[in-house]
Amino acid sequence: MRIPHIINLNTLAEFQPSPDALDLIGENERGLVAENFEWNKDHCPTLADCCVQTISKHFDKYQILDELPCMDRDHLLEILSHDLPLEVAVPVLNDEYYWQQRYKAKFGLILRRKPANWTWKNLYMERHVQEIIEYAQPQYNDEETLGDILDLCAPYVERLIITQLQSWKPPLTMEKEDIPETFQTDHVNFIYILRKLPLITELDIVYGVNSVGEGFSWNMFQMSVLDCQRLGKAILDLTNLEILRIHRSRLEYKHCQALIQNLIKNNTIVELDLSHCDIGDQGALCVAKFIQKCITLKILNLSNNLIRNTGAEGIGYIMTRPKRANLEVLNLRLNPLGTDGVMNILRALVRCDIPKELSLSGCQFKEDTIPKVALMLKMNESLKKLDISNNWIGKDGGELLIEGLEENNTLEWLDIRDTDITPQQMVKIEGILSRNRDLEEYQRLLEEKGLEMEVNVTYFSKETDHKEYIEKLV
């Protein structure tokens, strides 16, 4: 007996008899065993089953899925080949079961987060397009021949994650004496690709190669300025793009400059991630220009980019300008900012109301850095989360940090791991942060009830009092 895929496996398990039930008297004498789903496994298939199997083998000619009765339709979806040409499968097959089985058969488990309102058909199409682009050969201009398949997949591709790009290699038809000593570093031209995928909202690219094997060469991990110029122009065709990530690549300042020249014309990007690249100070200045031009930007990740004093100064300056993006998250971790670089960011924090979250983890704090951070905490009224972990603070710095936090009523989360402050200081800091979180909750409840703040902040800071005020409002 065939169990259709629409039956939940948990429901099916409930019909399985327990071992105790099988040992009951008279169990072996039953003529009709209703829970035996294999009663007809040795029977000849019905004519309907034979017809469904024939349709499955010739589905590219007989695409009559919706004309079948429900039972036969479910049967056909279960036995349809996972190697059907997309030209046949995409227009006709919309059932999630088929695309789920096809995805698992080809790609296995899902190894990345699933977006909102996802479907198995969308996931399969996005992964299929990803595979095509990742193995396209730039020396043959493969991207220029992908128009038909991209047109077919375009309505289902909203997120494109590229984990590798093939580097240029001599074509097989090239004569040995014509092979250059140094290969060019250009990759596939994204202008031909992205113009066919207008619905993309998230674009994630890594310029490098994963499965290198014995043919390793540093040239595989290089990228050209032309790559960035082409990518920047291609992004202008993505009118729905919100998230752009170009990370773990040899993106230097000259590449960053070529990219930003076109990127500043975009007015939809909300998140820009250039983490783990090499843009340096000059590249950071280019990004600062982007902050000024793209007012929709909310999240900026520049971690591990060799940014020092000059780059931090440019970013800090733009943060204080009246016309710039309202950044909510700024990630500068693992950059060798030092005291001077950190000071440029701190000056901006006391003069503007952005960002809400800031990461300065592993930015090479020195002895004179923490006093300035503590002074900033006394004056800043907008920061909600601050990460200064993996910097040397010490016991004396911990005391200065506590003094600054005692006068701050907005900071709710502070990461101080691996900073050499004492456990007692960590307890005090957590108490102050807890006070601030409760104060935020108290203010929210007051706003819901249309009341005004009637509690003195200094009095509210006593750990034994603020819980009572919240309980009264709740």
Protein backbone atom coordinates (compact mmCIF):
# COMPACT_ATOMS: atom_id res chain seq x y z
CA MET A 1 0.00 0.00 0.00
CA ARG A 2 1.51 3.31 -1.04
CA ILE A 3 1.51 6.00 1.65
CA PRO A 4 1.18 9.42 -0.06
CA HIS A 5 3.61 12.15 0.93
CA ILE A 6 0.77 14.34 2.20
CA ILE A 7 0.39 12.02 5.21
CA ASN A 8 2.41 13.28 8.16
CA LEU A 9 5.01 10.77 9.34
CA ASN A 10 4.04 11.36 12.96
CA THR A 11 0.44 10.47 12.12
CA LEU A 12 1.63 7.31 10.41
CA ALA A 13 3.70 6.32 13.44
CA GLU A 14 0.61 6.43 15.65
CA PHE A 15 -0.91 3.53 13.69
CA GLN A 16 2.02 1.25 14.48
CA PRO A 17 0.97 -1.31 17.13
CA SER A 18 2.98 -1.54 20.32
CA PRO A 19 4.93 -4.73 21.19
CA ASP A 20 2.43 -5.47 23.97
CA ALA A 21 -0.48 -5.30 21.53
CA LEU A 22 1.22 -7.79 19.22
CA ASP A 23 1.48 -10.30 22.09
CA LEU A 24 -2.26 -10.29 22.85
CA ILE A 25 -4.19 -13.57 22.62
CA GLY A 26 -5.74 -14.06 19.20
CA GLU A 27 -3.51 -11.52 17.49
CA ASN A 28 -2.14 -14.16 15.12
CA GLU A 29 -5.64 -15.31 14.17
CA ARG A 30 -6.78 -11.96 12.81
CA GLY A 31 -7.89 -12.21 9.19
CA LEU A 32 -7.82 -8.50 8.49
CA VAL A 33 -4.88 -6.50 9.83
CA ALA A 34 -5.83 -2.86 9.26
CA GLU A 35 -2.47 -1.46 10.36
CA ASN A 36 -0.51 -3.57 7.87
CA PHE A 37 0.38 -1.16 5.08
CA GLU A 38 2.32 -3.77 3.08
CA TRP A 39 -0.60 -6.10 2.45
CA ASN A 40 -0.47 -5.60 -1.32
CA LYS A 41 3.27 -5.33 -1.95
CA ASP A 42 3.24 -8.57 -3.97
CA HIS A 43 0.17 -7.60 -6.01
CA CYS A 44 0.37 -6.49 -9.61
CA PRO A 45 0.24 -2.70 -10.03
CA THR A 46 -3.07 -1.24 -11.06
CA LEU A 47 -3.66 0.20 -14.51
CA ALA A 48 -3.73 3.70 -12.99
CA ASP A 49 -0.29 3.13 -11.42
CA CYS A 50 1.11 1.95 -14.76
CA CYS A 51 -0.26 5.06 -16.46
CA VAL A 52 1.29 7.33 -13.83
CA GLN A 53 4.67 5.63 -14.25
CA THR A 54 4.47 6.09 -18.02
CA ILE A 55 3.61 9.77 -17.64
CA SER A 56 6.58 10.14 -15.29
CA LYS A 57 8.99 8.68 -17.85
CA HIS A 58 7.70 10.94 -20.63
CA PHE A 59 6.76 14.01 -18.62
CA ASP A 60 8.67 16.29 -20.98
CA LYS A 61 6.10 15.34 -23.65
CA TYR A 62 2.97 14.84 -21.52
CA GLN A 63 2.81 17.66 -18.98
CA ILE A 64 -0.64 16.81 -17.63
CA LEU A 65 -0.03 17.10 -13.91
CA ASP A 66 -3.04 19.28 -13.09
CA GLU A 67 -5.39 17.11 -15.17
CA LEU A 68 -4.86 14.04 -12.99
CA PRO A 69 -7.01 13.08 -9.98
CA CYS A 70 -5.55 14.10 -6.61
CA MET A 71 -4.34 10.59 -5.70
CA ASP A 72 -2.59 10.06 -9.03
CA ARG A 73 -1.20 13.59 -8.95
CA ASP A 74 0.47 12.94 -5.58
CA HIS A 75 1.82 9.65 -6.91
CA LEU A 76 3.30 11.37 -9.96
CA LEU A 77 5.03 14.03 -7.84
CA GLU A 78 6.69 11.29 -5.78
CA ILE A 79 8.18 9.44 -8.74
CA LEU A 80 9.01 12.32 -11.08
CA SER A 81 12.66 12.45 -12.08
CA HIS A 82 14.84 15.05 -10.32
CA ASP A 83 16.77 15.50 -13.57
CA LEU A 84 13.93 17.05 -15.52
CA PRO A 85 15.11 20.03 -17.60
CA LEU A 86 14.29 23.28 -15.87
CA GLU A 87 12.61 24.47 -19.05
CA VAL A 88 10.02 21.73 -18.41
CA ALA A 89 9.85 21.73 -14.61
CA VAL A 90 9.75 25.45 -13.78
CA PRO A 91 6.58 26.51 -15.63
CA VAL A 92 4.55 23.42 -14.67
CA LEU A 93 5.70 22.23 -11.24
CA ASN A 94 4.91 24.49 -8.30
CA ASP A 95 4.39 21.82 -5.65
CA GLU A 96 6.77 22.25 -2.72
CA TYR A 97 7.25 18.50 -2.26
CA TYR A 98 8.87 18.06 -5.66
CA TRP A 99 11.28 20.96 -5.23
CA GLN A 100 12.15 19.85 -1.71
CA GLN A 101 13.10 16.38 -2.94
CA ARG A 102 14.97 17.81 -5.91
CA TYR A 103 16.93 20.22 -3.68
CA LYS A 104 17.92 17.46 -1.24
CA ALA A 105 18.90 15.10 -4.06
CA LYS A 106 21.24 17.65 -5.66
CA PHE A 107 22.48 19.88 -2.82
CA GLY A 108 21.78 17.95 0.38
CA LEU A 109 21.17 19.88 3.58
CA ILE A 110 20.52 23.61 3.75
CA LEU A 111 23.69 25.13 5.19
CA ARG A 112 22.62 28.77 5.37
CA ARG A 113 19.81 30.71 6.99
CA LYS A 114 16.51 30.71 5.18
CA PRO A 115 14.98 34.10 4.32
CA ALA A 116 11.48 35.18 5.24
CA ASN A 117 8.66 33.81 3.06
CA TRP A 118 11.00 31.21 1.57
CA THR A 119 9.91 28.32 -0.63
CA TRP A 120 11.75 25.23 -1.78
CA LYS A 121 11.41 26.35 -5.38
CA ASN A 122 13.07 29.67 -4.59
CA LEU A 123 15.86 27.96 -2.66
CA TYR A 124 16.53 25.56 -5.51
CA MET A 125 16.60 28.30 -8.14
CA GLU A 126 18.92 30.50 -6.07
CA ARG A 127 21.29 27.61 -5.45
CA HIS A 128 21.17 26.59 -9.12
CA VAL A 129 22.04 30.11 -10.30
CA GLN A 130 24.80 30.25 -7.67
CA GLU A 131 26.31 27.04 -9.02
CA ILE A 132 26.20 28.30 -12.60
CA ILE A 133 27.99 31.54 -11.71
CA GLU A 134 30.57 29.90 -9.44
CA TYR A 135 31.74 27.57 -12.21
CA ALA A 136 31.50 30.01 -15.13
CA GLN A 137 34.86 30.32 -16.89
CA PRO A 138 35.92 33.94 -17.58
CA GLN A 139 38.34 32.96 -20.35
CA TYR A 140 35.39 31.70 -22.44
CA ASN A 141 33.04 34.58 -21.52
CA ASP A 142 30.50 32.06 -20.23
CA GLU A 143 28.43 34.81 -18.62
CA GLU A 144 27.40 36.07 -22.06
CA THR A 145 25.69 32.74 -22.83
CA LEU A 146 23.63 32.48 -19.62
CA GLY A 147 20.78 34.73 -20.73
CA ASP A 148 18.15 32.02 -21.33
CA ILE A 149 18.64 30.11 -18.08
CA LEU A 150 18.81 33.34 -16.05
CA ASP A 151 15.57 34.56 -17.62
CA LEU A 152 13.94 31.29 -16.57
CA CYS A 153 15.18 31.49 -12.97
CA ALA A 154 14.88 35.27 -12.48
CA PRO A 155 11.33 35.34 -10.98
CA TYR A 156 12.49 33.06 -8.15
CA VAL A 157 15.90 34.57 -7.32
CA GLU A 158 15.83 37.19 -4.58
CA ARG A 159 19.07 36.30 -2.83
CA LEU A 160 22.37 35.46 -4.52
CA ILE A 161 25.26 34.12 -2.45
CA ILE A 162 28.48 33.50 -4.38
CA THR A 163 31.14 31.63 -2.37
CA GLN A 164 33.76 31.45 -5.12
CA LEU A 165 34.57 32.77 -8.59
CA GLN A 166 36.77 31.00 -11.10
CA SER A 167 39.96 32.79 -12.08
CA TRP A 168 41.18 33.25 -15.64
CA LYS A 169 43.03 30.30 -17.14
CA PRO A 170 44.46 29.87 -20.66
CA PRO A 171 41.81 28.49 -23.04
CA LEU A 172 42.42 24.97 -24.30
CA THR A 173 42.56 26.30 -27.85
CA MET A 174 45.36 28.77 -27.06
CA GLU A 175 48.75 27.95 -28.52
CA LYS A 176 51.51 27.28 -26.01
CA GLU A 177 53.63 30.20 -27.21
CA ASP A 178 50.63 32.54 -26.80
CA ILE A 179 50.09 31.72 -23.10
CA PRO A 180 51.15 34.79 -21.05
CA GLU A 181 53.59 34.44 -18.16
CA THR A 182 51.24 36.34 -15.85
CA PHE A 183 47.54 35.60 -16.04
CA GLN A 184 45.00 38.39 -15.91
CA THR A 185 42.94 38.66 -12.71
CA ASP A 186 39.55 39.47 -14.25
CA HIS A 187 36.54 37.35 -13.30
CA VAL A 188 33.12 36.91 -14.89
CA ASN A 189 31.38 40.10 -15.93
CA PHE A 190 28.45 40.67 -13.57
CA ILE A 191 26.88 43.22 -15.91
CA TYR A 192 25.53 40.39 -18.10
CA ILE A 193 24.36 38.45 -15.04
CA LEU A 194 22.70 40.96 -12.72
CA ARG A 195 20.74 42.72 -15.46
CA LYS A 196 18.84 39.43 -15.82
CA LEU A 197 18.09 39.16 -12.08
CA PRO A 198 16.23 42.37 -11.17
CA LEU A 199 14.49 40.99 -8.07
CA ILE A 200 17.66 40.47 -6.03
CA THR A 201 17.52 42.04 -2.57
CA GLU A 202 20.66 40.42 -1.11
CA LEU A 203 23.99 39.99 -2.91
CA ASP A 204 26.91 38.20 -1.24
CA ILE A 205 30.19 37.72 -3.15
CA VAL A 206 33.59 36.23 -2.30
CA TYR A 207 36.37 36.70 -4.86
CA GLY A 208 38.35 33.51 -4.44
CA VAL A 209 38.38 29.77 -5.16
CA ASN A 210 37.32 27.00 -2.77
CA SER A 211 38.42 23.64 -4.20
CA VAL A 212 41.88 24.57 -5.45
CA GLY A 213 43.59 21.19 -5.49
CA GLU A 214 47.13 20.84 -6.82
CA GLY A 215 46.80 23.78 -9.18
CA PHE A 216 47.12 26.36 -6.39
CA SER A 217 48.21 29.84 -7.36
CA TRP A 218 47.99 33.17 -5.54
CA ASN A 219 46.55 34.55 -8.74
CA MET A 220 43.33 32.66 -7.94
CA PHE A 221 42.65 35.02 -5.03
CA GLN A 222 43.39 38.29 -6.77
CA MET A 223 40.79 40.64 -8.20
CA SER A 224 41.07 43.45 -10.70
CA VAL A 225 39.88 47.04 -10.67
CA LEU A 226 37.84 46.17 -13.75
CA ASP A 227 35.97 43.57 -11.68
CA CYS A 228 34.87 46.27 -9.24
CA GLN A 229 33.95 48.71 -12.00
CA ARG A 230 31.78 46.10 -13.66
CA LEU A 231 30.19 45.06 -10.37
CA GLY A 232 29.42 48.66 -9.45
CA LYS A 233 27.72 49.26 -12.80
CA ALA A 234 25.83 45.97 -12.55
CA ILE A 235 24.47 46.86 -9.10
CA LEU A 236 22.81 49.94 -10.58
CA ASP A 237 20.40 47.56 -12.35
CA LEU A 238 19.30 46.09 -8.99
CA THR A 239 16.61 48.53 -7.92
CA ASN A 240 15.54 46.31 -4.99
CA LEU A 241 19.00 45.62 -3.54
CA GLU A 242 19.15 46.09 0.25
CA ILE A 243 22.12 43.99 1.39
CA LEU A 244 25.54 43.98 -0.29
CA ARG A 245 28.42 41.87 1.01
CA ILE A 246 31.87 41.67 -0.58
CA HIS A 247 34.02 39.98 2.03
CA ARG A 248 37.00 37.66 2.49
CA SER A 249 38.49 39.09 -0.70
CA ARG A 250 41.62 41.00 -1.76
CA LEU A 251 39.60 44.20 -1.97
CA GLU A 252 42.14 47.03 -1.64
CA TYR A 253 41.62 50.78 -1.69
CA LYS A 254 41.88 51.07 -5.49
CA HIS A 255 39.21 48.39 -5.87
CA CYS A 256 37.09 50.07 -3.21
CA GLN A 257 37.37 53.39 -5.01
CA ALA A 258 36.23 51.86 -8.31
CA LEU A 259 33.30 50.18 -6.58
CA ILE A 260 32.13 53.22 -4.63
CA GLN A 261 32.21 55.44 -7.74
CA ASN A 262 29.10 53.65 -8.98
CA LEU A 263 27.75 52.57 -5.61
CA ILE A 264 27.11 56.16 -4.49
CA LYS A 265 24.41 56.35 -7.19
CA ASN A 266 22.43 53.65 -5.38
CA ASN A 267 19.68 54.73 -2.99
CA THR A 268 18.35 51.39 -1.72
CA ILE A 269 21.23 49.70 0.13
CA VAL A 270 20.54 49.21 3.84
CA GLU A 271 23.52 46.99 4.76
CA LEU A 272 27.08 47.14 3.40
CA ASP A 273 29.58 44.48 4.47
CA LEU A 274 33.22 44.80 3.36
CA SER A 275 34.65 42.75 6.23
CA HIS A 276 37.96 40.85 6.06
CA CYS A 277 39.34 42.80 3.10
CA ASP A 278 42.28 45.22 2.75
CA ILE A 279 40.70 48.59 2.00
CA GLY A 280 42.95 50.47 4.47
CA ASP A 281 42.65 54.17 5.27
CA GLN A 282 42.08 55.30 1.69
CA GLY A 283 39.33 52.75 1.22
CA ALA A 284 37.72 53.85 4.49
CA LEU A 285 37.60 57.42 3.16
CA CYS A 286 35.77 56.12 0.09
CA VAL A 287 33.28 54.35 2.35
CA ALA A 288 32.85 57.60 4.31
CA LYS A 289 31.80 59.25 1.06
CA PHE A 290 29.26 56.46 0.58
CA ILE A 291 27.87 57.11 4.07
CA GLN A 292 27.34 60.71 3.08
CA LYS A 293 25.60 59.90 -0.22
CA CYS A 294 23.53 56.80 0.61
CA ILE A 295 21.04 58.02 3.22
CA THR A 296 19.33 54.60 3.40
CA LEU A 297 22.40 52.87 4.90
CA LYS A 298 21.75 51.40 8.37
CA ILE A 299 24.41 48.72 8.90
CA LEU A 300 28.11 49.06 8.03
CA ASN A 301 30.65 46.29 8.64
CA LEU A 302 34.32 47.17 8.07
CA SER A 303 35.90 44.67 10.43
CA ASN A 304 39.48 43.51 9.78
CA ASN A 305 40.36 46.00 7.04
CA LEU A 306 43.67 47.54 8.22
CA ILE A 307 41.93 50.84 8.99
CA ARG A 308 44.01 53.19 11.13
CA ASN A 309 43.86 56.81 12.29
CA THR A 310 43.18 58.48 8.93
CA GLY A 311 40.35 56.15 7.94
CA ALA A 312 38.71 56.45 11.35
CA GLU A 313 39.00 60.23 11.13
CA GLY A 314 37.13 60.26 7.82
CA ILE A 315 34.34 58.04 9.13
CA GLY A 316 34.04 60.04 12.34
CA TYR A 317 33.89 63.32 10.43
CA ILE A 318 31.05 62.14 8.18
CA MET A 319 29.11 60.91 11.21
CA THR A 320 28.93 64.48 12.52
CA ARG A 321 27.69 65.98 9.25
CA PRO A 322 23.98 66.90 9.01
CA LYS A 323 23.53 65.16 5.65
CA ARG A 324 24.54 61.52 5.97
CA ALA A 325 23.09 58.07 6.56
CA ASN A 326 21.47 57.35 9.92
CA LEU A 327 23.74 54.44 10.82
CA GLU A 328 22.40 52.04 13.43
CA VAL A 329 25.25 49.51 13.47
CA LEU A 330 28.96 50.26 12.92
CA ASN A 331 31.45 47.40 13.13
CA LEU A 332 35.15 48.34 13.21
CA ARG A 333 36.53 45.36 15.09
CA LEU A 334 39.99 43.92 14.36
CA ASN A 335 41.24 47.19 12.87
CA PRO A 336 44.50 48.61 14.32
CA LEU A 337 42.92 51.93 15.27
CA GLY A 338 45.01 52.60 18.36
CA THR A 339 44.24 55.52 20.66
CA ASP A 340 44.23 58.14 17.90
CA GLY A 341 41.86 56.18 15.68
CA VAL A 342 39.50 55.38 18.55
CA MET A 343 39.50 59.05 19.56
CA ASN A 344 38.23 60.03 16.11
CA ILE A 345 35.23 57.77 16.59
CA LEU A 346 34.67 58.88 20.20
CA ARG A 347 34.62 62.55 19.18
CA ALA A 348 31.83 61.77 16.75
CA LEU A 349 29.86 59.84 19.38
CA VAL A 350 29.61 62.88 21.66
CA ARG A 351 28.50 65.13 18.79
CA CYS A 352 25.88 62.98 17.02
CA ASP A 353 23.16 60.45 17.75
CA ILE A 354 24.49 57.59 15.61
CA PRO A 355 25.14 54.67 15.75
CA LYS A 356 23.09 52.61 18.20
CA GLU A 357 25.55 49.70 18.13
CA LEU A 358 29.34 50.00 17.90
CA SER A 359 32.07 47.34 17.88
CA LEU A 360 35.67 48.29 18.69
CA SER A 361 36.77 44.77 19.59
CA GLY A 362 40.46 44.05 19.11
CA CYS A 363 41.33 47.62 18.08
CA GLN A 364 44.61 47.81 20.06
CA PHE A 365 43.55 49.95 23.02
CA LYS A 366 46.36 51.49 25.06
CA GLU A 367 46.55 52.86 28.59
CA ASP A 368 45.29 56.28 27.55
CA THR A 369 42.34 54.90 25.54
CA ILE A 370 39.97 53.78 28.30
CA PRO A 371 39.83 57.19 30.09
CA LYS A 372 38.58 58.66 26.82
CA VAL A 373 36.02 55.87 26.41
CA ALA A 374 34.77 56.51 29.95
CA LEU A 375 34.47 60.23 29.21
CA MET A 376 32.48 59.46 26.06
CA LEU A 377 30.07 57.29 28.06
CA LYS A 378 29.35 60.23 30.35
CA MET A 379 28.39 62.43 27.40
CA ASN A 380 26.80 60.03 24.90
CA GLU A 381 23.01 59.62 25.00
CA SER A 382 22.31 57.34 22.05
CA LEU A 383 24.57 54.27 22.19
CA LYS A 384 22.75 51.03 23.12
CA LYS A 385 25.41 48.37 22.54
CA LEU A 386 29.19 48.69 22.78
CA ASP A 387 31.80 45.98 22.19
CA ILE A 388 35.31 46.71 23.49
CA SER A 389 36.33 43.10 24.10
CA ASN A 390 39.84 41.79 23.37
CA ASN A 391 41.42 45.10 24.36
CA TRP A 392 43.61 45.66 27.40
CA ILE A 393 41.72 47.60 30.07
CA GLY A 394 43.00 46.30 33.40
CA LYS A 395 41.84 47.04 36.94
CA ASP A 396 42.43 50.80 36.80
CA GLY A 397 40.66 51.05 33.47
CA GLY A 398 37.76 49.06 34.91
CA GLU A 399 37.26 51.65 37.64
CA LEU A 400 37.22 54.45 35.08
CA LEU A 401 34.72 52.49 33.02
CA ILE A 402 32.41 52.12 36.04
CA GLU A 403 32.59 55.86 36.72
CA GLY A 404 31.57 56.62 33.15
CA LEU A 405 28.74 54.08 33.17
CA GLU A 406 27.26 55.43 36.40
CA GLU A 407 26.41 58.66 34.58
CA ASN A 408 25.14 56.90 31.46
CA ASN A 409 21.47 55.93 31.24
CA THR A 410 21.23 54.60 27.68
CA LEU A 411 23.90 51.89 27.25
CA GLU A 412 22.24 48.50 27.75
CA TRP A 413 24.88 46.00 26.59
CA LEU A 414 28.65 46.12 27.00
CA ASP A 415 31.03 43.36 25.88
CA ILE A 416 34.16 43.41 28.05
CA ARG A 417 35.45 39.87 27.62
CA ASP A 418 39.22 39.35 27.67
CA THR A 419 39.98 42.83 28.99
CA ASP A 420 41.68 41.88 32.30
CA ILE A 421 39.17 43.65 34.52
CA THR A 422 38.33 42.04 37.86
CA PRO A 423 35.25 39.86 38.46
CA GLN A 424 34.01 42.37 41.05
CA GLN A 425 34.12 45.13 38.44
CA MET A 426 32.24 42.97 35.97
CA VAL A 427 29.47 42.46 38.54
CA LYS A 428 29.18 46.21 39.09
CA ILE A 429 29.09 46.89 35.36
CA GLU A 430 26.37 44.29 34.82
CA GLY A 431 24.33 45.89 37.60
CA ILE A 432 24.53 49.30 35.91
CA LEU A 433 23.59 47.83 32.53
CA SER A 434 20.65 46.03 34.11
CA ARG A 435 19.52 49.35 35.57
CA ASN A 436 19.63 50.96 32.14
CA ARG A 437 17.64 48.13 30.57
CA ASP A 438 15.00 48.41 33.27
CA LEU A 439 14.91 52.17 32.82
CA GLU A 440 14.25 51.67 29.12
CA GLU A 441 11.43 49.27 29.94
CA TYR A 442 10.01 51.72 32.46
CA GLN A 443 10.02 54.53 29.90
CA ARG A 444 8.33 52.29 27.33
CA LEU A 445 5.54 51.40 29.74
CA LEU A 446 5.04 55.06 30.59
CA GLU A 447 4.71 55.94 26.91
CA GLU A 448 2.13 53.20 26.42
CA LYS A 449 0.05 54.63 29.26
CA GLY A 450 0.53 58.23 28.10
CA LEU A 451 2.39 59.23 31.28
CA GLU A 452 5.54 61.29 31.79
CA MET A 453 8.71 60.28 33.57
CA GLU A 454 8.24 61.05 37.24
CA VAL A 455 11.19 59.16 38.69
CA ASN A 456 14.53 60.82 39.28
CA VAL A 457 17.18 58.91 37.37
CA THR A 458 19.61 58.99 40.29
CA TYR A 459 16.97 57.51 42.59
CA PHE A 460 16.01 54.98 39.91
CA SER A 461 19.59 53.79 39.73
CA LYS A 462 19.32 52.14 43.12
CA GLU A 463 19.11 48.44 42.41
CA THR A 464 16.44 47.84 45.06
CA ASP A 465 14.00 50.39 43.64
CA HIS A 466 13.72 50.15 39.86
CA LYS A 467 12.09 46.71 39.83
CA GLU A 468 9.23 47.98 41.99
CA TYR A 469 8.35 50.81 39.58
CA ILE A 470 8.12 48.41 36.65
CA GLU A 471 5.96 45.95 38.61
CA LYS A 472 3.53 48.74 39.52
CA LEU A 473 3.05 49.68 35.86
CA VAL A 474 2.68 46.07 34.72
